[in-house]
PDB file of all heavy atoms in Angstrom:
ATOM      1  N   GLU A   1     134.666 112.157 146.406  1.00  0.00           N
ATOM      2  CA  GLU A   1     136.087 112.117 146.181  1.00  0.00           C
ATOM      3  C   GLU A   1     136.618 110.704 145.737  1.00  0.00           C
ATOM      4  O   GLU A   1     137.455 110.650 144.959  1.00  0.00           O
ATOM      5  CB  GLU A   1     136.954 112.604 147.406  1.00  0.00           C
ATOM      6  CG  GLU A   1     136.898 111.515 148.581  1.00  0.00           C
ATOM      7  CD  GLU A   1     135.740 111.575 149.381  1.00  0.00           C
ATOM      8  OE1 GLU A   1     134.733 112.470 149.274  1.00  0.00           O
ATOM      9  OE2 GLU A   1     135.412 110.478 150.169  1.00  0.00           O
ATOM     10  N   ASP A   2     135.769 109.740 146.240  1.00  0.00           N
ATOM     11  CA  ASP A   2     136.141 108.402 145.810  1.00  0.00           C
ATOM     12  C   ASP A   2     136.113 108.251 144.288  1.00  0.00           C
ATOM     13  O   ASP A   2     136.806 107.645 143.627  1.00  0.00           O
ATOM     14  CB  ASP A   2     135.269 107.318 146.408  1.00  0.00           C
ATOM     15  CG  ASP A   2     135.424 107.346 147.882  1.00  0.00           C
ATOM     16  OD1 ASP A   2     136.325 107.897 148.408  1.00  0.00           O
ATOM     17  OD2 ASP A   2     134.588 106.751 148.601  1.00  0.00           O
ATOM     18  N   GLY A   3     134.842 108.673 143.761  1.00  0.00           N
ATOM     19  CA  GLY A   3     134.548 108.536 142.275  1.00  0.00           C
ATOM     20  C   GLY A   3     135.491 109.380 141.481  1.00  0.00           C
ATOM     21  O   GLY A   3     135.917 109.040 140.381  1.00  0.00           O
ATOM     22  N   MET A   4     135.936 110.580 141.930  1.00  0.00           N
ATOM     23  CA  MET A   4     136.935 111.339 141.283  1.00  0.00           C
ATOM     24  C   MET A   4     138.202 110.622 141.053  1.00  0.00           C
ATOM     25  O   MET A   4     138.867 110.674 139.946  1.00  0.00           O
ATOM     26  CB  MET A   4     137.125 112.758 141.934  1.00  0.00           C
ATOM     27  CG  MET A   4     135.828 113.624 141.975  1.00  0.00           C
ATOM     28  SD  MET A   4     135.486 114.234 140.356  1.00  0.00           S
ATOM     29  CE  MET A   4     136.758 115.464 140.167  1.00  0.00           C
ATOM     30  N   PHE A   5     138.671 109.961 142.149  1.00  0.00           N
ATOM     31  CA  PHE A   5     139.912 109.140 142.111  1.00  0.00           C
ATOM     32  C   PHE A   5     139.797 108.093 141.059  1.00  0.00           C
ATOM     33  O   PHE A   5     140.626 107.779 140.192  1.00  0.00           O
ATOM     34  CB  PHE A   5     140.179 108.545 143.478  1.00  0.00           C
ATOM     35  CG  PHE A   5     141.417 107.631 143.498  1.00  0.00           C
ATOM     36  CD1 PHE A   5     142.636 108.131 143.628  1.00  0.00           C
ATOM     37  CD2 PHE A   5     141.346 106.289 143.268  1.00  0.00           C
ATOM     38  CE1 PHE A   5     143.714 107.292 143.664  1.00  0.00           C
ATOM     39  CE2 PHE A   5     142.439 105.485 143.358  1.00  0.00           C
ATOM     40  CZ  PHE A   5     143.626 106.018 143.537  1.00  0.00           C
ATOM     41  N   LEU A   6     138.656 107.326 141.059  1.00  0.00           N
ATOM     42  CA  LEU A   6     138.370 106.284 140.218  1.00  0.00           C
ATOM     43  C   LEU A   6     138.337 106.748 138.641  1.00  0.00           C
ATOM     44  O   LEU A   6     138.861 106.222 137.732  1.00  0.00           O
ATOM     45  CB  LEU A   6     137.010 105.609 140.404  1.00  0.00           C
ATOM     46  CG  LEU A   6     136.693 104.383 139.491  1.00  0.00           C
ATOM     47  CD1 LEU A   6     137.748 103.282 139.431  1.00  0.00           C
ATOM     48  CD2 LEU A   6     135.349 103.775 139.779  1.00  0.00           C
ATOM     49  N   MET A   7     137.742 107.981 138.460  1.00  0.00           N
ATOM     50  CA  MET A   7     137.714 108.434 137.044  1.00  0.00           C
ATOM     51  C   MET A   7     139.019 108.819 136.492  1.00  0.00           C
ATOM     52  O   MET A   7     139.230 108.772 135.328  1.00  0.00           O
ATOM     53  CB  MET A   7     136.710 109.675 137.052  1.00  0.00           C
ATOM     54  CG  MET A   7     135.253 109.270 137.299  1.00  0.00           C
ATOM     55  SD  MET A   7     134.674 107.892 136.377  1.00  0.00           S
ATOM     56  CE  MET A   7     134.754 108.529 134.784  1.00  0.00           C
ATOM     57  N   GLN A   8     139.869 109.305 137.317  1.00  0.00           N
ATOM     58  CA  GLN A   8     141.237 109.491 137.014  1.00  0.00           C
ATOM     59  C   GLN A   8     141.997 108.215 136.587  1.00  0.00           C
ATOM     60  O   GLN A   8     142.650 108.109 135.512  1.00  0.00           O
ATOM     61  CB  GLN A   8     142.110 110.188 138.189  1.00  0.00           C
ATOM     62  CG  GLN A   8     141.792 111.614 138.404  1.00  0.00           C
ATOM     63  CD  GLN A   8     142.668 112.182 139.518  1.00  0.00           C
ATOM     64  OE1 GLN A   8     143.830 112.283 139.383  1.00  0.00           O
ATOM     65  NE2 GLN A   8     142.011 112.263 140.758  1.00  0.00           N
ATOM     66  N   TYR A   9     141.775 107.255 137.443  1.00  0.00           N
ATOM     67  CA  TYR A   9     142.374 105.910 137.329  1.00  0.00           C
ATOM     68  C   TYR A   9     141.961 105.208 136.003  1.00  0.00           C
ATOM     69  O   TYR A   9     142.705 104.543 135.316  1.00  0.00           O
ATOM     70  CB  TYR A   9     142.176 105.121 138.613  1.00  0.00           C
ATOM     71  CG  TYR A   9     142.943 103.733 138.540  1.00  0.00           C
ATOM     72  CD1 TYR A   9     144.331 103.593 139.126  1.00  0.00           C
ATOM     73  CD2 TYR A   9     142.356 102.562 138.005  1.00  0.00           C
ATOM     74  CE1 TYR A   9     144.956 102.427 139.113  1.00  0.00           C
ATOM     75  CE2 TYR A   9     143.095 101.498 138.034  1.00  0.00           C
ATOM     76  CZ  TYR A   9     144.403 101.334 138.603  1.00  0.00           C
ATOM     77  OH  TYR A   9     145.000 100.160 138.585  1.00  0.00           O
ATOM     78  N   ILE A  10     140.655 105.273 135.774  1.00  0.00           N
ATOM     79  CA  ILE A  10     140.091 104.447 134.781  1.00  0.00           C
ATOM     80  C   ILE A  10     140.533 104.796 133.348  1.00  0.00           C
ATOM     81  O   ILE A  10     140.393 103.948 132.432  1.00  0.00           O
ATOM     82  CB  ILE A  10     138.531 104.565 134.804  1.00  0.00           C
ATOM     83  CG1 ILE A  10     137.792 103.284 134.159  1.00  0.00           C
ATOM     84  CG2 ILE A  10     137.986 105.866 134.131  1.00  0.00           C
ATOM     85  CD1 ILE A  10     137.984 102.082 134.958  1.00  0.00           C
ATOM     86  N   LYS A  11     141.120 105.880 133.265  1.00  0.00           N
ATOM     87  CA  LYS A  11     141.602 106.358 131.876  1.00  0.00           C
ATOM     88  C   LYS A  11     142.801 105.541 131.486  1.00  0.00           C
ATOM     89  O   LYS A  11     143.046 105.485 130.265  1.00  0.00           O
ATOM     90  CB  LYS A  11     142.144 107.894 131.934  1.00  0.00           C
ATOM     91  CG  LYS A  11     141.128 108.884 132.258  1.00  0.00           C
ATOM     92  CD  LYS A  11     141.670 110.239 132.534  1.00  0.00           C
ATOM     93  CE  LYS A  11     140.742 111.275 132.945  1.00  0.00           C
ATOM     94  NZ  LYS A  11     141.220 112.715 133.246  1.00  0.00           N
ATOM     95  N   TYR A  12     143.367 104.830 132.424  1.00  0.00           N
ATOM     96  CA  TYR A  12     144.537 103.903 132.053  1.00  0.00           C
ATOM     97  C   TYR A  12     144.156 102.438 132.235  1.00  0.00           C
ATOM     98  O   TYR A  12     145.092 101.613 132.169  1.00  0.00           O
ATOM     99  CB  TYR A  12     145.695 104.218 133.041  1.00  0.00           C
ATOM    100  CG  TYR A  12     145.985 105.722 132.942  1.00  0.00           C
ATOM    101  CD1 TYR A  12     145.583 106.605 134.007  1.00  0.00           C
ATOM    102  CD2 TYR A  12     146.701 106.306 132.066  1.00  0.00           C
ATOM    103  CE1 TYR A  12     145.743 108.019 134.080  1.00  0.00           C
ATOM    104  CE2 TYR A  12     147.014 107.696 131.996  1.00  0.00           C
ATOM    105  CZ  TYR A  12     146.496 108.592 132.948  1.00  0.00           C
ATOM    106  OH  TYR A  12     146.736 109.834 133.015  1.00  0.00           O
ATOM    107  N   VAL A  13     142.890 102.162 132.249  1.00  0.00           N
ATOM    108  CA  VAL A  13     142.459 100.664 132.410  1.00  0.00           C
ATOM    109  C   VAL A  13     142.000 100.135 131.087  1.00  0.00           C
ATOM    110  O   VAL A  13     141.114 100.768 130.430  1.00  0.00           O
ATOM    111  CB  VAL A  13     141.354 100.727 133.485  1.00  0.00           C
ATOM    112  CG1 VAL A  13     140.736  99.258 133.497  1.00  0.00           C
ATOM    113  CG2 VAL A  13     141.833 101.164 134.793  1.00  0.00           C
ATOM    114  N   LYS A  14     142.512  99.059 130.668  1.00  0.00           N
ATOM    115  CA  LYS A  14     142.169  98.370 129.594  1.00  0.00           C
ATOM    116  C   LYS A  14     141.328  97.065 129.910  1.00  0.00           C
ATOM    117  O   LYS A  14     140.565  96.565 129.139  1.00  0.00           O
ATOM    118  CB  LYS A  14     143.335  97.853 128.689  1.00  0.00           C
ATOM    119  CG  LYS A  14     144.113  99.254 128.173  1.00  0.00           C
ATOM    120  CD  LYS A  14     145.201  98.809 127.342  1.00  0.00           C
ATOM    121  CE  LYS A  14     145.999  99.983 126.746  1.00  0.00           C
ATOM    122  NZ  LYS A  14     147.233  99.578 125.996  1.00  0.00           N
ATOM    123  N   ARG A  15     141.625  96.464 131.045  1.00  0.00           N
ATOM    124  CA  ARG A  15     141.014  95.214 131.373  1.00  0.00           C
ATOM    125  C   ARG A  15     140.630  95.229 132.905  1.00  0.00           C
ATOM    126  O   ARG A  15     141.394  95.665 133.747  1.00  0.00           O
ATOM    127  CB  ARG A  15     141.805  93.971 131.207  1.00  0.00           C
ATOM    128  CG  ARG A  15     142.246  93.754 129.661  1.00  0.00           C
ATOM    129  CD  ARG A  15     142.959  92.373 129.555  1.00  0.00           C
ATOM    130  NE  ARG A  15     142.055  91.303 129.691  1.00  0.00           N
ATOM    131  CZ  ARG A  15     142.503  90.028 130.048  1.00  0.00           C
ATOM    132  NH1 ARG A  15     143.757  89.845 130.314  1.00  0.00           N
ATOM    133  NH2 ARG A  15     141.634  89.065 130.078  1.00  0.00           N
ATOM    134  N   VAL A  16     139.318  94.861 133.225  1.00  0.00           N
ATOM    135  CA  VAL A  16     138.957  94.711 134.559  1.00  0.00           C
ATOM    136  C   VAL A  16     138.609  93.382 135.032  1.00  0.00           C
ATOM    137  O   VAL A  16     137.910  92.588 134.244  1.00  0.00           O
ATOM    138  CB  VAL A  16     137.585  95.618 134.852  1.00  0.00           C
ATOM    139  CG1 VAL A  16     137.072  95.597 136.288  1.00  0.00           C
ATOM    140  CG2 VAL A  16     137.827  97.084 134.301  1.00  0.00           C
ATOM    141  N   LEU A  17     139.094  92.958 136.097  1.00  0.00           N
ATOM    142  CA  LEU A  17     138.942  91.586 136.740  1.00  0.00           C
ATOM    143  C   LEU A  17     137.807  91.570 137.768  1.00  0.00           C
ATOM    144  O   LEU A  17     137.989  92.245 138.793  1.00  0.00           O
ATOM    145  CB  LEU A  17     140.168  91.150 137.305  1.00  0.00           C
ATOM    146  CG  LEU A  17     140.119  89.846 138.043  1.00  0.00           C
ATOM    147  CD1 LEU A  17     139.734  88.652 137.223  1.00  0.00           C
ATOM    148  CD2 LEU A  17     141.318  89.513 138.895  1.00  0.00           C
ATOM    149  N   PRO A  18     136.592  90.855 137.410  1.00  0.00           N
ATOM    150  CA  PRO A  18     135.635  90.776 138.386  1.00  0.00           C
ATOM    151  C   PRO A  18     135.963  89.779 139.398  1.00  0.00           C
ATOM    152  O   PRO A  18     136.318  88.662 139.088  1.00  0.00           O
ATOM    153  CB  PRO A  18     134.404  90.417 137.574  1.00  0.00           C
ATOM    154  CG  PRO A  18     134.952  89.729 136.526  1.00  0.00           C
ATOM    155  CD  PRO A  18     136.314  90.250 136.107  1.00  0.00           C
ATOM    156  N   VAL A  19     135.775  90.055 140.740  1.00  0.00           N
ATOM    157  CA  VAL A  19     136.049  89.141 141.860  1.00  0.00           C
ATOM    158  C   VAL A  19     134.724  88.963 142.506  1.00  0.00           C
ATOM    159  O   VAL A  19     134.259  89.790 143.280  1.00  0.00           O
ATOM    160  CB  VAL A  19     137.166  89.584 142.749  1.00  0.00           C
ATOM    161  CG1 VAL A  19     137.351  88.632 143.931  1.00  0.00           C
ATOM    162  CG2 VAL A  19     138.320  89.994 142.050  1.00  0.00           C
ATOM    163  N   ASN A  20     134.068  87.811 142.252  1.00  0.00           N
ATOM    164  CA  ASN A  20     132.646  87.606 142.689  1.00  0.00           C
ATOM    165  C   ASN A  20     132.663  86.829 144.116  1.00  0.00           C
ATOM    166  O   ASN A  20     131.985  85.826 144.336  1.00  0.00           O
ATOM    167  CB  ASN A  20     131.919  86.691 141.662  1.00  0.00           C
ATOM    168  CG  ASN A  20     131.771  87.563 140.472  1.00  0.00           C
ATOM    169  OD1 ASN A  20     131.463  88.666 140.335  1.00  0.00           O
ATOM    170  ND2 ASN A  20     132.083  86.845 139.296  1.00  0.00           N
ATOM    171  N   LYS A  21     133.405  87.508 145.109  1.00  0.00           N
ATOM    172  CA  LYS A  21     133.267  86.933 146.442  1.00  0.00           C
ATOM    173  C   LYS A  21     133.113  88.120 147.459  1.00  0.00           C
ATOM    174  O   LYS A  21     133.494  89.214 147.228  1.00  0.00           O
ATOM    175  CB  LYS A  21     134.614  86.262 146.763  1.00  0.00           C
ATOM    176  CG  LYS A  21     135.011  85.100 145.979  1.00  0.00           C
ATOM    177  CD  LYS A  21     136.207  84.329 146.611  1.00  0.00           C
ATOM    178  CE  LYS A  21     135.799  83.652 147.815  1.00  0.00           C
ATOM    179  NZ  LYS A  21     136.809  82.754 148.407  1.00  0.00           N
ATOM    180  N   ALA A  22     132.011  87.725 148.386  1.00  0.00           N
ATOM    181  CA  ALA A  22     131.731  88.738 149.226  1.00  0.00           C
ATOM    182  C   ALA A  22     132.646  88.728 150.584  1.00  0.00           C
ATOM    183  O   ALA A  22     132.342  87.954 151.548  1.00  0.00           O
ATOM    184  CB  ALA A  22     130.285  88.673 149.816  1.00  0.00           C
ATOM    185  N   VAL A  23     133.797  89.362 150.513  1.00  0.00           N
ATOM    186  CA  VAL A  23     134.716  89.310 151.574  1.00  0.00           C
ATOM    187  C   VAL A  23     134.885  90.615 152.348  1.00  0.00           C
ATOM    188  O   VAL A  23     135.827  90.729 153.253  1.00  0.00           O
ATOM    189  CB  VAL A  23     136.179  88.739 151.009  1.00  0.00           C
ATOM    190  CG1 VAL A  23     136.064  87.406 150.471  1.00  0.00           C
ATOM    191  CG2 VAL A  23     136.603  89.752 149.990  1.00  0.00           C
ATOM    192  N   TYR A  24     134.070  91.595 152.078  1.00  0.00           N
ATOM    193  CA  TYR A  24     134.241  92.938 152.742  1.00  0.00           C
ATOM    194  C   TYR A  24     132.879  93.187 153.382  1.00  0.00           C
ATOM    195  O   TYR A  24     131.826  93.021 152.736  1.00  0.00           O
ATOM    196  CB  TYR A  24     134.433  93.867 151.679  1.00  0.00           C
ATOM    197  CG  TYR A  24     134.880  95.263 152.335  1.00  0.00           C
ATOM    198  CD1 TYR A  24     136.232  95.639 152.528  1.00  0.00           C
ATOM    199  CD2 TYR A  24     133.808  96.252 152.774  1.00  0.00           C
ATOM    200  CE1 TYR A  24     136.542  96.915 153.076  1.00  0.00           C
ATOM    201  CE2 TYR A  24     134.308  97.393 153.262  1.00  0.00           C
ATOM    202  CZ  TYR A  24     135.504  97.794 153.402  1.00  0.00           C
ATOM    203  OH  TYR A  24     135.984  98.919 153.948  1.00  0.00           O
ATOM    204  N   TYR A  25     132.950  93.589 154.677  1.00  0.00           N
ATOM    205  CA  TYR A  25     131.755  93.947 155.440  1.00  0.00           C
ATOM    206  C   TYR A  25     131.748  95.470 155.672  1.00  0.00           C
ATOM    207  O   TYR A  25     132.527  96.014 156.358  1.00  0.00           O
ATOM    208  CB  TYR A  25     131.870  93.250 156.823  1.00  0.00           C
ATOM    209  CG  TYR A  25     131.545  91.784 156.822  1.00  0.00           C
ATOM    210  CD1 TYR A  25     132.328  90.786 156.245  1.00  0.00           C
ATOM    211  CD2 TYR A  25     130.155  91.303 157.192  1.00  0.00           C
ATOM    212  CE1 TYR A  25     132.073  89.622 156.263  1.00  0.00           C
ATOM    213  CE2 TYR A  25     129.864  90.010 157.153  1.00  0.00           C
ATOM    214  CZ  TYR A  25     130.775  89.138 156.662  1.00  0.00           C
ATOM    215  OH  TYR A  25     130.553  87.742 156.601  1.00  0.00           O
ATOM    216  N   TYR A  26     130.604  96.038 154.938  1.00  0.00           N
ATOM    217  CA  TYR A  26     130.628  97.531 155.033  1.00  0.00           C
ATOM    218  C   TYR A  26     129.567  97.896 155.987  1.00  0.00           C
ATOM    219  O   TYR A  26     128.407  97.491 156.000  1.00  0.00           O
ATOM    220  CB  TYR A  26     130.212  98.027 153.664  1.00  0.00           C
ATOM    221  CG  TYR A  26     129.693  99.393 153.471  1.00  0.00           C
ATOM    222  CD1 TYR A  26     130.527 100.422 153.656  1.00  0.00           C
ATOM    223  CD2 TYR A  26     128.351  99.716 153.358  1.00  0.00           C
ATOM    224  CE1 TYR A  26     130.182 101.751 153.698  1.00  0.00           C
ATOM    225  CE2 TYR A  26     127.920 100.977 153.119  1.00  0.00           C
ATOM    226  CZ  TYR A  26     128.749 101.967 153.426  1.00  0.00           C
ATOM    227  OH  TYR A  26     128.256 103.342 153.328  1.00  0.00           O
ATOM    228  N   ALA A  27     130.007  98.714 156.972  1.00  0.00           N
ATOM    229  CA  ALA A  27     129.152  99.212 158.062  1.00  0.00           C
ATOM    230  C   ALA A  27     128.466 100.459 157.646  1.00  0.00           C
ATOM    231  O   ALA A  27     129.109 101.526 157.503  1.00  0.00           O
ATOM    232  CB  ALA A  27     129.967  99.421 159.491  1.00  0.00           C
ATOM    233  N   LYS A  28     127.152 100.390 157.579  1.00  0.00           N
ATOM    234  CA  LYS A  28     126.382 101.500 157.098  1.00  0.00           C
ATOM    235  C   LYS A  28     125.542 102.120 158.385  1.00  0.00           C
ATOM    236  O   LYS A  28     124.855 101.357 159.003  1.00  0.00           O
ATOM    237  CB  LYS A  28     125.380 101.066 156.069  1.00  0.00           C
ATOM    238  CG  LYS A  28     124.529 102.303 155.581  1.00  0.00           C
ATOM    239  CD  LYS A  28     123.627 101.742 154.452  1.00  0.00           C
ATOM    240  CE  LYS A  28     122.726 102.984 153.892  1.00  0.00           C
ATOM    241  NZ  LYS A  28     121.769 102.502 152.766  1.00  0.00           N
ATOM    242  N   ASN A  29     125.712 103.316 158.564  1.00  0.00           N
ATOM    243  CA  ASN A  29     124.906 104.090 159.582  1.00  0.00           C
ATOM    244  C   ASN A  29     123.881 105.006 158.819  1.00  0.00           C
ATOM    245  O   ASN A  29     124.224 106.102 158.473  1.00  0.00           O
ATOM    246  CB  ASN A  29     125.881 104.820 160.490  1.00  0.00           C
ATOM    247  CG  ASN A  29     125.130 105.354 161.768  1.00  0.00           C
ATOM    248  OD1 ASN A  29     123.842 105.518 161.706  1.00  0.00           O
ATOM    249  ND2 ASN A  29     125.858 105.524 162.868  1.00  0.00           N
TER     250      ASN A  29
END
């Protein structure tokens, strides 16, 4: 469902800003 949301959104994107900082901690089980 995450990817489906992004694919809808990306249709309206002309420029993407990369943010090269690791500020999110993802907990994987």
